[in-house]
C-alpha atoms as a PDB file:
ATOM      1  CA  MET A   1     -13.239 -11.234 -16.698  1.00  0.00           C
ATOM      2  CA  SER A   2     -12.324  -7.605 -16.048  1.00  0.00           C
ATOM      3  CA  THR A   3     -13.220  -5.358 -13.120  1.00  0.00           C
ATOM      4  CA  LEU A   4     -13.842  -1.641 -13.677  1.00  0.00           C
ATOM      5  CA  ILE A   5     -12.481   0.445 -10.810  1.00  0.00           C
ATOM      6  CA  CYS A   6     -13.944   3.960 -10.786  1.00  0.00           C
ATOM      7  CA  GLY A   7     -12.055   6.291  -8.479  1.00  0.00           C
ATOM      8  CA  SER A   8      -9.135   8.612  -7.902  1.00  0.00           C
ATOM      9  CA  PHE A   9      -5.454   8.651  -8.667  1.00  0.00           C
ATOM     10  CA  ALA A  10      -3.275  10.796  -6.407  1.00  0.00           C
ATOM     11  CA  TYR A  11       0.241  11.539  -5.308  1.00  0.00           C
ATOM     12  CA  ASP A  12       0.722  11.254  -1.549  1.00  0.00           C
ATOM     13  CA  ASN A  13       3.510  13.568  -0.361  1.00  0.00           C
ATOM     14  CA  ILE A  14       4.379  12.371   3.140  1.00  0.00           C
ATOM     15  CA  MET A  15       6.567  14.441   5.458  1.00  0.00           C
ATOM     16  CA  VAL A  16       7.760  13.910   9.032  1.00  0.00           C
ATOM     17  CA  PHE A  17       8.160  16.792  11.479  1.00  0.00           C
ATOM     18  CA  GLU A  18      10.726  15.639  14.007  1.00  0.00           C
ATOM     19  CA  ASP A  19       9.076  17.382  16.909  1.00  0.00           C
ATOM     20  CA  ARG A  20       5.546  17.865  18.234  1.00  0.00           C
ATOM     21  CA  PHE A  21       3.034  20.305  16.798  1.00  0.00           C
ATOM     22  CA  LYS A  22       1.853  21.205  20.298  1.00  0.00           C
ATOM     23  CA  ASN A  23       5.292  22.648  21.108  1.00  0.00           C
ATOM     24  CA  HIS A  24       4.899  25.236  18.364  1.00  0.00           C
ATOM     25  CA  ILE A  25       1.173  26.099  18.374  1.00  0.00           C
ATOM     26  CA  LEU A  26      -0.046  28.457  21.084  1.00  0.00           C
ATOM     27  CA  ALA A  27      -3.600  27.542  22.005  1.00  0.00           C
ATOM     28  CA  ASP A  28      -4.570  31.136  22.801  1.00  0.00           C
ATOM     29  CA  GLN A  29      -3.137  32.421  19.491  1.00  0.00           C
ATOM     30  CA  VAL A  30      -4.717  30.029  16.986  1.00  0.00           C
ATOM     31  CA  HIS A  31      -6.808  32.891  15.563  1.00  0.00           C
ATOM     32  CA  ILE A  32      -3.576  34.364  14.170  1.00  0.00           C
ATOM     33  CA  LEU A  33      -1.870  31.050  13.404  1.00  0.00           C
ATOM     34  CA  ASN A  34       1.253  31.390  11.251  1.00  0.00           C
ATOM     35  CA  VAL A  35       3.649  28.478  11.574  1.00  0.00           C
ATOM     36  CA  CYS A  36       6.278  26.709   9.497  1.00  0.00           C
ATOM     37  CA  PHE A  37       7.481  23.177  10.221  1.00  0.00           C
ATOM     38  CA  LEU A  38      10.870  22.020   8.962  1.00  0.00           C
ATOM     39  CA  VAL A  39      10.485  18.533   7.455  1.00  0.00           C
ATOM     40  CA  PRO A  40      13.894  17.056   6.586  1.00  0.00           C
ATOM     41  CA  ARG A  41      12.339  13.811   5.318  1.00  0.00           C
ATOM     42  CA  MET A  42       9.746  13.469   2.593  1.00  0.00           C
ATOM     43  CA  ARG A  43       8.617  10.674   0.338  1.00  0.00           C
ATOM     44  CA  ARG A  44       6.211  10.693  -2.584  1.00  0.00           C
ATOM     45  CA  GLU A  45       3.941   7.697  -2.981  1.00  0.00           C
ATOM     46  CA  PHE A  46       1.525   6.611  -5.686  1.00  0.00           C
ATOM     47  CA  GLY A  47      -1.999   6.609  -4.247  1.00  0.00           C
ATOM     48  CA  GLY A  48      -5.676   7.295  -4.850  1.00  0.00           C
ATOM     49  CA  CYS A  49      -8.379   4.702  -4.405  1.00  0.00           C
ATOM     50  CA  ALA A  50      -8.538   3.530  -8.031  1.00  0.00           C
ATOM     51  CA  GLY A  51      -4.780   3.149  -8.238  1.00  0.00           C
ATOM     52  CA  ASN A  52      -4.528   1.365  -4.896  1.00  0.00           C
ATOM     53  CA  ILE A  53      -7.383  -1.046  -5.552  1.00  0.00           C
ATOM     54  CA  ALA A  54      -6.070  -1.850  -9.035  1.00  0.00           C
ATOM     55  CA  TYR A  55      -2.580  -2.520  -7.666  1.00  0.00           C
ATOM     56  CA  ASN A  56      -3.867  -4.962  -5.061  1.00  0.00           C
ATOM     57  CA  LEU A  57      -6.249  -6.725  -7.434  1.00  0.00           C
ATOM     58  CA  LYS A  58      -3.370  -7.236  -9.850  1.00  0.00           C
ATOM     59  CA  LEU A  59      -1.312  -8.777  -7.014  1.00  0.00           C
ATOM     60  CA  LEU A  60      -4.140 -11.260  -6.511  1.00  0.00           C
ATOM     61  CA  GLY A  61      -4.133 -12.202 -10.190  1.00  0.00           C
ATOM     62  CA  GLY A  62      -7.222 -10.212 -11.150  1.00  0.00           C
ATOM     63  CA  ASP A  63      -7.769  -8.092 -14.254  1.00  0.00           C
ATOM     64  CA  PRO A  64      -8.306  -4.499 -13.053  1.00  0.00           C
ATOM     65  CA  LEU A  65      -9.387  -1.685 -15.361  1.00  0.00           C
ATOM     66  CA  PRO A  66      -8.985   1.529 -13.348  1.00  0.00           C
ATOM     67  CA  MET A  67     -10.929   4.571 -14.554  1.00  0.00           C
ATOM     68  CA  GLY A  68     -10.075   8.067 -13.390  1.00  0.00           C
ATOM     69  CA  THR A  69      -8.893  11.519 -14.416  1.00  0.00           C
ATOM     70  CA  VAL A  70      -5.303  12.706 -13.943  1.00  0.00           C
ATOM     71  CA  GLY A  71      -3.197  15.763 -14.622  1.00  0.00           C
ATOM     72  CA  GLU A  72      -0.303  16.624 -16.875  1.00  0.00           C
ATOM     73  CA  ASP A  73       2.129  15.530 -14.142  1.00  0.00           C
ATOM     74  CA  PHE A  74       0.966  11.899 -14.302  1.00  0.00           C
ATOM     75  CA  ARG A  75       3.912  10.497 -16.290  1.00  0.00           C
ATOM     76  CA  PRO A  76       5.787   8.872 -13.351  1.00  0.00           C
ATOM     77  CA  TYR A  77       2.564   7.198 -12.173  1.00  0.00           C
ATOM     78  CA  GLU A  78       1.624   5.923 -15.639  1.00  0.00           C
ATOM     79  CA  GLU A  79       5.127   4.404 -15.987  1.00  0.00           C
ATOM     80  CA  TRP A  80       4.561   2.648 -12.647  1.00  0.00           C
ATOM     81  CA  LEU A  81       1.187   1.282 -13.816  1.00  0.00           C
ATOM     82  CA  ASP A  82       2.838  -0.013 -16.990  1.00  0.00           C
ATOM     83  CA  ARG A  83       5.549  -1.747 -14.969  1.00  0.00           C
ATOM     84  CA  CYS A  84       2.842  -3.378 -12.864  1.00  0.00           C
ATOM     85  CA  GLY A  85       0.995  -4.537 -15.991  1.00  0.00           C
ATOM     86  CA  ILE A  86      -2.127  -2.526 -15.172  1.00  0.00           C
ATOM     87  CA  ASP A  87      -4.279  -1.524 -18.164  1.00  0.00           C
ATOM     88  CA  ARG A  88      -4.792   2.274 -18.169  1.00  0.00           C
ATOM     89  CA  ARG A  89      -6.948   2.662 -21.284  1.00  0.00           C
ATOM     90  CA  TYR A  90      -9.668   4.343 -19.172  1.00  0.00           C
ATOM     91  CA  VAL A  91      -7.338   6.776 -17.382  1.00  0.00           C
ATOM     92  CA  THR A  92      -7.975  10.228 -18.872  1.00  0.00           C
ATOM     93  CA  LYS A  93      -5.447  13.046 -18.756  1.00  0.00           C
ATOM     94  CA  ILE A  94      -6.884  16.555 -18.225  1.00  0.00           C
ATOM     95  CA  GLU A  95      -4.951  19.482 -19.645  1.00  0.00           C
ATOM     96  CA  ASN A  96      -3.829  22.322 -17.370  1.00  0.00           C
ATOM     97  CA  ARG A  97      -4.555  20.291 -14.240  1.00  0.00           C
ATOM     98  CA  PHE A  98      -2.454  18.569 -11.627  1.00  0.00           C
ATOM     99  CA  THR A  99      -3.129  15.009 -10.589  1.00  0.00           C
ATOM    100  CA  ALA A 100      -4.825  15.011  -7.159  1.00  0.00           C
ATOM    101  CA  GLN A 101      -2.275  15.649  -4.419  1.00  0.00           C
ATOM    102  CA  ALA A 102      -2.224  15.027  -0.672  1.00  0.00           C
ATOM    103  CA  TYR A 103       0.384  16.766   1.473  1.00  0.00           C
ATOM    104  CA  ILE A 104       0.603  14.998   4.826  1.00  0.00           C
ATOM    105  CA  THR A 105       2.817  16.152   7.697  1.00  0.00           C
ATOM    106  CA  THR A 106       3.081  13.869  10.735  1.00  0.00           C
ATOM    107  CA  ASP A 107       4.697  14.771  14.057  1.00  0.00           C
ATOM    108  CA  LEU A 108       6.313  12.538  16.688  1.00  0.00           C
ATOM    109  CA  ASP A 109       2.942  12.012  18.397  1.00  0.00           C
ATOM    110  CA  ASP A 110       1.492  10.734  15.094  1.00  0.00           C
ATOM    111  CA  ASN A 111      -0.693  13.816  14.772  1.00  0.00           C
ATOM    112  CA  GLN A 112      -1.272  14.798  11.166  1.00  0.00           C
ATOM    113  CA  ILE A 113      -1.872  17.997   9.228  1.00  0.00           C
ATOM    114  CA  THR A 114      -3.091  17.280   5.711  1.00  0.00           C
ATOM    115  CA  ALA A 115      -3.834  19.462   2.719  1.00  0.00           C
ATOM    116  CA  PHE A 116      -5.587  17.873  -0.255  1.00  0.00           C
ATOM    117  CA  HIS A 117      -5.779  19.329  -3.754  1.00  0.00           C
ATOM    118  CA  PRO A 118      -8.315  17.406  -5.911  1.00  0.00           C
ATOM    119  CA  GLY A 119      -6.965  18.726  -9.205  1.00  0.00           C
ATOM    120  CA  ALA A 120      -8.048  16.591 -12.149  1.00  0.00           C
ATOM    121  CA  MET A 121     -10.241  14.454  -9.899  1.00  0.00           C
ATOM    122  CA  ASN A 122     -12.861  17.241 -10.094  1.00  0.00           C
ATOM    123  CA  GLU A 123     -13.226  16.384 -13.800  1.00  0.00           C
ATOM    124  CA  ALA A 124     -13.847  12.663 -13.234  1.00  0.00           C
ATOM    125  CA  HIS A 125     -17.340  12.957 -14.700  1.00  0.00           C
ATOM    126  CA  ALA A 126     -15.615  13.479 -18.077  1.00  0.00           C
ATOM    127  CA  ASN A 127     -15.160   9.717 -18.118  1.00  0.00           C
ATOM    128  CA  GLU A 128     -18.031   7.424 -19.016  1.00  0.00           C
ATOM    129  CA  VAL A 129     -18.427   3.774 -18.050  1.00  0.00           C
ATOM    130  CA  PRO A 130     -17.384   1.908 -21.225  1.00  0.00           C
ATOM    131  CA  ASP A 131     -19.624  -0.478 -23.097  1.00  0.00           C
ATOM    132  CA  ASN A 132     -17.159  -3.356 -22.741  1.00  0.00           C
ATOM    133  CA  ASN A 133     -18.538  -6.891 -22.571  1.00  0.00           C
ATOM    134  CA  ALA A 134     -15.408  -8.085 -20.760  1.00  0.00           C
ATOM    135  CA  ILE A 135     -16.325  -5.990 -17.690  1.00  0.00           C
ATOM    136  CA  ARG A 136     -18.252  -8.236 -15.302  1.00  0.00           C
ATOM    137  CA  LEU A 137     -17.988  -6.206 -12.094  1.00  0.00           C
ATOM    138  CA  GLY A 138     -17.394  -2.607 -11.053  1.00  0.00           C
ATOM    139  CA  ILE A 139     -16.703  -0.514  -7.986  1.00  0.00           C
ATOM    140  CA  ILE A 140     -17.568   3.116  -7.295  1.00  0.00           C
ATOM    141  CA  SER A 141     -14.819   4.298  -4.926  1.00  0.00           C
ATOM    142  CA  PRO A 142     -14.240   7.865  -3.651  1.00  0.00           C
ATOM    143  CA  ASP A 143     -13.977  10.288  -6.572  1.00  0.00           C
ATOM    144  CA  GLY A 144     -15.576  13.545  -7.697  1.00  0.00           C
ATOM    145  CA  GLY A 145     -19.144  13.641  -6.355  1.00  0.00           C
ATOM    146  CA  GLN A 146     -20.785  14.205  -9.750  1.00  0.00           C
ATOM    147  CA  ALA A 147     -18.720  11.406 -11.247  1.00  0.00           C
ATOM    148  CA  MET A 148     -19.796   8.959  -8.560  1.00  0.00           C
ATOM    149  CA  LEU A 149     -23.471   9.723  -9.237  1.00  0.00           C
ATOM    150  CA  GLU A 150     -23.115   9.466 -13.008  1.00  0.00           C
ATOM    151  CA  HIS A 151     -20.949   6.347 -13.000  1.00  0.00           C
ATOM    152  CA  ALA A 152     -23.385   4.520 -10.724  1.00  0.00           C
ATOM    153  CA  ARG A 153     -26.235   5.238 -13.168  1.00  0.00           C
ATOM    154  CA  GLN A 154     -24.072   4.188 -16.110  1.00  0.00           C
ATOM    155  CA  LEU A 155     -23.149   0.867 -14.476  1.00  0.00           C
ATOM    156  CA  VAL A 156     -26.843   0.175 -13.915  1.00  0.00           C
ATOM    157  CA  ASP A 157     -27.659   1.085 -17.526  1.00  0.00           C
ATOM    158  CA  ARG A 158     -24.981  -1.367 -18.731  1.00  0.00           C
ATOM    159  CA  ASP A 159     -26.232  -4.052 -16.341  1.00  0.00           C
ATOM    160  CA  ILE A 160     -22.881  -4.297 -14.558  1.00  0.00           C
ATOM    161  CA  PRO A 161     -23.112  -5.209 -10.851  1.00  0.00           C
ATOM    162  CA  PHE A 162     -20.998  -2.997  -8.620  1.00  0.00           C
ATOM    163  CA  ILE A 163     -19.708  -2.275  -5.133  1.00  0.00           C
ATOM    164  CA  PHE A 164     -20.482   1.141  -3.709  1.00  0.00           C
ATOM    165  CA  ASP A 165     -17.548   2.341  -1.591  1.00  0.00           C
ATOM    166  CA  PRO A 166     -18.321   5.958  -0.560  1.00  0.00           C
ATOM    167  CA  GLY A 167     -15.410   6.386   1.879  1.00  0.00           C
ATOM    168  CA  GLN A 168     -14.473   9.959   2.675  1.00  0.00           C
ATOM    169  CA  GLN A 169     -17.019  11.254   0.150  1.00  0.00           C
ATOM    170  CA  ILE A 170     -20.001  10.382   2.397  1.00  0.00           C
ATOM    171  CA  PRO A 171     -20.335  14.040   3.565  1.00  0.00           C
ATOM    172  CA  VAL A 172     -21.008  15.051  -0.072  1.00  0.00           C
ATOM    173  CA  PHE A 173     -24.260  13.032  -0.205  1.00  0.00           C
ATOM    174  CA  ASP A 174     -27.468  13.506   1.758  1.00  0.00           C
ATOM    175  CA  GLY A 175     -29.676  10.645   2.904  1.00  0.00           C
ATOM    176  CA  ASP A 176     -31.729  10.560  -0.312  1.00  0.00           C
ATOM    177  CA  LYS A 177     -28.673  10.276  -2.530  1.00  0.00           C
ATOM    178  CA  LEU A 178     -27.135   7.607  -0.309  1.00  0.00           C
ATOM    179  CA  ASN A 179     -30.380   5.645  -0.542  1.00  0.00           C
ATOM    180  CA  ASP A 180     -30.261   5.996  -4.335  1.00  0.00           C
ATOM    181  CA  PHE A 181     -26.736   4.559  -4.351  1.00  0.00           C
ATOM    182  CA  ILE A 182     -27.817   1.683  -2.119  1.00  0.00           C
ATOM    183  CA  ARG A 183     -30.743   0.850  -4.383  1.00  0.00           C
ATOM    184  CA  GLN A 184     -28.537   0.884  -7.473  1.00  0.00           C
ATOM    185  CA  ALA A 185     -25.569  -0.961  -5.992  1.00  0.00           C
ATOM    186  CA  THR A 186     -25.173  -4.718  -5.656  1.00  0.00           C
ATOM    187  CA  TYR A 187     -22.827  -4.461  -2.648  1.00  0.00           C
ATOM    188  CA  LEU A 188     -21.888  -1.750  -0.141  1.00  0.00           C
ATOM    189  CA  THR A 189     -18.579  -1.652   1.709  1.00  0.00           C
ATOM    190  CA  VAL A 190     -17.740   0.834   4.486  1.00  0.00           C
ATOM    191  CA  ASN A 191     -15.782   0.986   7.707  1.00  0.00           C
ATOM    192  CA  ASP A 192     -17.576   0.990  11.072  1.00  0.00           C
ATOM    193  CA  TYR A 193     -17.600   4.786  11.363  1.00  0.00           C
ATOM    194  CA  GLU A 194     -18.864   5.242   7.815  1.00  0.00           C
ATOM    195  CA  ALA A 195     -21.612   2.696   8.481  1.00  0.00           C
ATOM    196  CA  GLU A 196     -22.790   4.803  11.419  1.00  0.00           C
ATOM    197  CA  LEU A 197     -22.804   7.951   9.247  1.00  0.00           C
ATOM    198  CA  ILE A 198     -24.889   6.251   6.563  1.00  0.00           C
ATOM    199  CA  GLN A 199     -27.313   4.912   9.173  1.00  0.00           C
ATOM    200  CA  GLU A 200     -27.701   8.397  10.619  1.00  0.00           C
ATOM    201  CA  ARG A 201     -28.228  10.064   7.226  1.00  0.00           C
ATOM    202  CA  THR A 202     -30.623   7.450   5.865  1.00  0.00           C
ATOM    203  CA  GLN A 203     -32.368   6.708   9.196  1.00  0.00           C
ATOM    204  CA  ARG A 204     -31.990   3.004   8.474  1.00  0.00           C
ATOM    205  CA  THR A 205     -30.520   0.032  10.309  1.00  0.00           C
ATOM    206  CA  ARG A 206     -27.720  -2.082   8.907  1.00  0.00           C
ATOM    207  CA  GLU A 207     -30.152  -4.944   8.448  1.00  0.00           C
ATOM    208  CA  SER A 208     -32.516  -2.703   6.446  1.00  0.00           C
ATOM    209  CA  ILE A 209     -29.672  -1.472   4.251  1.00  0.00           C
ATOM    210  CA  ALA A 210     -28.391  -5.026   3.702  1.00  0.00           C
ATOM    211  CA  ALA A 211     -31.872  -6.120   2.593  1.00  0.00           C
ATOM    212  CA  ASP A 212     -31.475  -3.901  -0.509  1.00  0.00           C
ATOM    213  CA  LEU A 213     -28.138  -5.507  -1.390  1.00  0.00           C
ATOM    214  CA  LYS A 214     -26.499  -8.837  -2.005  1.00  0.00           C
ATOM    215  CA  ALA A 215     -24.098  -7.939   0.803  1.00  0.00           C
ATOM    216  CA  LEU A 216     -23.159  -5.117   3.193  1.00  0.00           C
ATOM    217  CA  ILE A 217     -19.523  -5.338   4.269  1.00  0.00           C
ATOM    218  CA  VAL A 218     -18.375  -3.408   7.352  1.00  0.00           C
ATOM    219  CA  THR A 219     -14.688  -3.332   8.284  1.00  0.00           C
ATOM    220  CA  LYS A 220     -13.642  -2.825  11.914  1.00  0.00           C
ATOM    221  CA  GLY A 221      -9.876  -2.431  11.788  1.00  0.00           C
ATOM    222  CA  GLY A 222      -8.051  -4.815  14.098  1.00  0.00           C
ATOM    223  CA  GLU A 223     -11.367  -6.381  15.104  1.00  0.00           C
ATOM    224  CA  GLY A 224     -11.915  -7.852  11.653  1.00  0.00           C
ATOM    225  CA  SER A 225     -15.038  -7.273   9.598  1.00  0.00           C
ATOM    226  CA  GLU A 226     -18.711  -8.214   9.278  1.00  0.00           C
ATOM    227  CA  ILE A 227     -20.657  -9.247   6.197  1.00  0.00           C
ATOM    228  CA  TYR A 228     -24.429  -8.914   6.224  1.00  0.00           C
ATOM    229  CA  THR A 229     -25.941 -11.153   3.570  1.00  0.00           C
ATOM    230  CA  LYS A 230     -29.174 -13.130   3.130  1.00  0.00           C
ATOM    231  CA  GLY A 231     -30.317 -12.177   6.628  1.00  0.00           C
ATOM    232  CA  GLN A 232     -27.074 -13.390   8.225  1.00  0.00           C
ATOM    233  CA  ARG A 233     -24.176 -11.579   9.855  1.00  0.00           C
ATOM    234  CA  LEU A 234     -20.879 -13.295   9.105  1.00  0.00           C
ATOM    235  CA  ILE A 235     -17.893 -12.514  11.331  1.00  0.00           C
ATOM    236  CA  ILE A 236     -14.582 -12.310   9.446  1.00  0.00           C
ATOM    237  CA  PRO A 237     -11.485 -12.430  11.667  1.00  0.00           C
ATOM    238  CA  ALA A 238      -8.562 -10.046  11.260  1.00  0.00           C
ATOM    239  CA  THR A 239      -5.307 -11.392   9.845  1.00  0.00           C
ATOM    240  CA  ARG A 240      -2.307 -11.880  12.127  1.00  0.00           C
ATOM    241  CA  ILE A 241       0.422  -9.434  11.170  1.00  0.00           C
ATOM    242  CA  SER A 242       4.091  -8.939  11.975  1.00  0.00           C
ATOM    243  CA  GLY A 243       3.487  -5.314  13.003  1.00  0.00           C
ATOM    244  CA  VAL A 244       1.647  -2.129  12.120  1.00  0.00           C
ATOM    245  CA  VAL A 245       3.879  -0.058   9.826  1.00  0.00           C
ATOM    246  CA  ASP A 246       1.364   2.107   7.902  1.00  0.00           C
ATOM    247  CA  PRO A 247      -2.437   1.646   7.846  1.00  0.00           C
ATOM    248  CA  THR A 248      -2.896   4.004   4.871  1.00  0.00           C
ATOM    249  CA  GLY A 249      -4.453   2.086   1.994  1.00  0.00           C
ATOM    250  CA  CYS A 250      -5.504  -0.965   3.980  1.00  0.00           C
ATOM    251  CA  GLY A 251      -9.145  -0.369   3.096  1.00  0.00           C
ATOM    252  CA  ASP A 252      -8.287  -0.326  -0.605  1.00  0.00           C
ATOM    253  CA  ALA A 253      -6.370  -3.577  -0.277  1.00  0.00           C
ATOM    254  CA  TYR A 254      -9.359  -5.103   1.523  1.00  0.00           C
ATOM    255  CA  ARG A 255     -11.682  -3.999  -1.295  1.00  0.00           C
ATOM    256  CA  ALA A 256      -9.444  -5.616  -3.869  1.00  0.00           C
ATOM    257  CA  GLY A 257      -9.910  -8.887  -2.006  1.00  0.00           C
ATOM    258  CA  LEU A 258     -13.692  -8.454  -2.148  1.00  0.00           C
ATOM    259  CA  LEU A 259     -13.598  -7.823  -5.907  1.00  0.00           C
ATOM    260  CA  TYR A 260     -11.401 -10.866  -6.462  1.00  0.00           C
ATOM    261  CA  GLY A 261     -13.656 -13.170  -4.454  1.00  0.00           C
ATOM    262  CA  ILE A 262     -16.844 -11.928  -6.105  1.00  0.00           C
ATOM    263  CA  VAL A 263     -15.459 -12.337  -9.639  1.00  0.00           C
ATOM    264  CA  LYS A 264     -14.245 -15.846  -8.760  1.00  0.00           C
ATOM    265  CA  GLY A 265     -17.664 -16.782  -7.354  1.00  0.00           C
ATOM    266  CA  LEU A 266     -16.251 -17.646  -3.919  1.00  0.00           C
ATOM    267  CA  ASP A 267     -18.411 -17.907  -0.813  1.00  0.00           C
ATOM    268  CA  TRP A 268     -18.542 -14.859   1.466  1.00  0.00           C
ATOM    269  CA  GLU A 269     -16.522 -16.458   4.262  1.00  0.00           C
ATOM    270  CA  THR A 270     -13.587 -17.052   1.895  1.00  0.00           C
ATOM    271  CA  THR A 271     -14.016 -13.735   0.088  1.00  0.00           C
ATOM    272  CA  GLY A 272     -13.952 -11.848   3.387  1.00  0.00           C
ATOM    273  CA  ARG A 273     -10.849 -13.709   4.518  1.00  0.00           C
ATOM    274  CA  ILE A 274      -8.991 -12.935   1.291  1.00  0.00           C
ATOM    275  CA  ALA A 275      -9.906  -9.271   1.798  1.00  0.00           C
ATOM    276  CA  SER A 276      -8.743  -9.411   5.416  1.00  0.00           C
ATOM    277  CA  LEU A 277      -5.461 -11.024   4.375  1.00  0.00           C
ATOM    278  CA  MET A 278      -4.779  -8.326   1.773  1.00  0.00           C
ATOM    279  CA  GLY A 279      -5.396  -5.592   4.329  1.00  0.00           C
ATOM    280  CA  GLY A 280      -3.009  -7.325   6.722  1.00  0.00           C
ATOM    281  CA  ILE A 281      -0.279  -7.632   4.087  1.00  0.00           C
ATOM    282  CA  LYS A 282      -0.612  -3.947   3.215  1.00  0.00           C
ATOM    283  CA  ILE A 283      -0.343  -2.705   6.827  1.00  0.00           C
ATOM    284  CA  GLU A 284       3.117  -4.243   7.130  1.00  0.00           C
ATOM    285  CA  SER A 285       4.590  -1.798   4.552  1.00  0.00           C
ATOM    286  CA  HIS A 286       4.957   1.953   4.137  1.00  0.00           C
ATOM    287  CA  GLY A 287       2.893   3.535   1.388  1.00  0.00           C
ATOM    288  CA  THR A 288      -0.065   2.103  -0.460  1.00  0.00           C
ATOM    289  CA  GLN A 289       1.635   0.319  -3.364  1.00  0.00           C
ATOM    290  CA  ASN A 290       4.958  -0.903  -1.981  1.00  0.00           C
ATOM    291  CA  HIS A 291       3.946  -4.318  -0.602  1.00  0.00           C
ATOM    292  CA  ARG A 292       4.562  -7.494  -2.593  1.00  0.00           C
ATOM    293  CA  VAL A 293       3.168 -11.002  -2.306  1.00  0.00           C
ATOM    294  CA  THR A 294       3.496 -14.058  -4.528  1.00  0.00           C
ATOM    295  CA  ARG A 295       0.678 -16.541  -5.073  1.00  0.00           C
ATOM    296  CA  SER A 296       2.442 -19.192  -2.996  1.00  0.00           C
ATOM    297  CA  GLU A 297       3.029 -16.711  -0.160  1.00  0.00           C
ATOM    298  CA  LEU A 298      -0.618 -15.670  -0.296  1.00  0.00           C
ATOM    299  CA  GLU A 299      -1.840 -19.251  -0.143  1.00  0.00           C
ATOM    300  CA  ALA A 300       0.537 -20.102   2.724  1.00  0.00           C
ATOM    301  CA  ARG A 301      -0.539 -17.089   4.798  1.00  0.00           C
ATOM    302  CA  PHE A 302      -4.207 -17.812   4.111  1.00  0.00           C
ATOM    303  CA  GLU A 303      -3.939 -21.373   5.387  1.00  0.00           C
ATOM    304  CA  GLU A 304      -1.831 -20.292   8.363  1.00  0.00           C
ATOM    305  CA  ASN A 305      -4.394 -17.673   9.391  1.00  0.00           C
ATOM    306  CA  PHE A 306      -7.674 -19.397   8.607  1.00  0.00           C
ATOM    307  CA  GLY A 307      -6.973 -23.127   8.770  1.00  0.00           C
ATOM    308  CA  TYR A 308      -7.938 -24.186   5.256  1.00  0.00           C
ATOM    309  CA  GLN A 309      -6.495 -23.937   1.779  1.00  0.00           C
ATOM    310  CA  LEU A 310      -7.299 -21.220  -0.707  1.00  0.00           C
ATOM    311  CA  ALA A 311      -8.383 -23.065  -3.788  1.00  0.00           C
ATOM    312  CA  ALA A 312      -9.182 -20.246  -6.255  1.00  0.00           C
END
């Protein structure tokens, strides 16, 4: 059974400024700001929500079908997807566009200055949810706003259940559109801050939102996560980790765990714990697609953290 992952592909260009921004920005002169930061170190990572989720779902043994739009500079990324064994039949290349790019500069205080160029992501509505009987589950992750709206309707038309994962695109949608997504979706997953934003925009409680869904999943970082389902609130513990190296992409790893558990028909307690474990594994590595885990390692860490064996 395949899982359609609607979302973005991006290159993350990560640079380190070996000083502090505050030493070079004059507070009383920000209206004429003109600065240049020397960044002797830079790395380029494969990213974007669709790419990250697909990578993690493949690690779990799932069958991801990522769907997104990319630019003419996508060749290194497509070679990486091929090496990972990820099917890219629904990845569409747009002429005269760059793949989405994030340029992130971090200083020694972990402050960040980020510039994001959406590039081909703005054309994501050019893709259409395929009529593929092998697709049993989908996810709408952050992408072009028009694409998210259209892909949600198309999933409903094809009778494919899906997770709505609005992420950083929440500001694009007003309360009415968010309510439309919630009514169409089968599941909603957000972090704690995003949950508050949705509650504010829709003027609804979490319990009210969950009543329209099979499950509302709210992640809370190091405090674990909560799953609202069938009138219950399940508490999912965080995974023990060796250390925080890079939290970027942890949410995508978590969502891959949700998709895996849903497709396998696992109970929500186990599904949430698989998701938590994937987020924990990711946070121990730099970048969003550099971590590795074998099935035996996954099963051992699951039992060590949660006290029972992972059967599926």
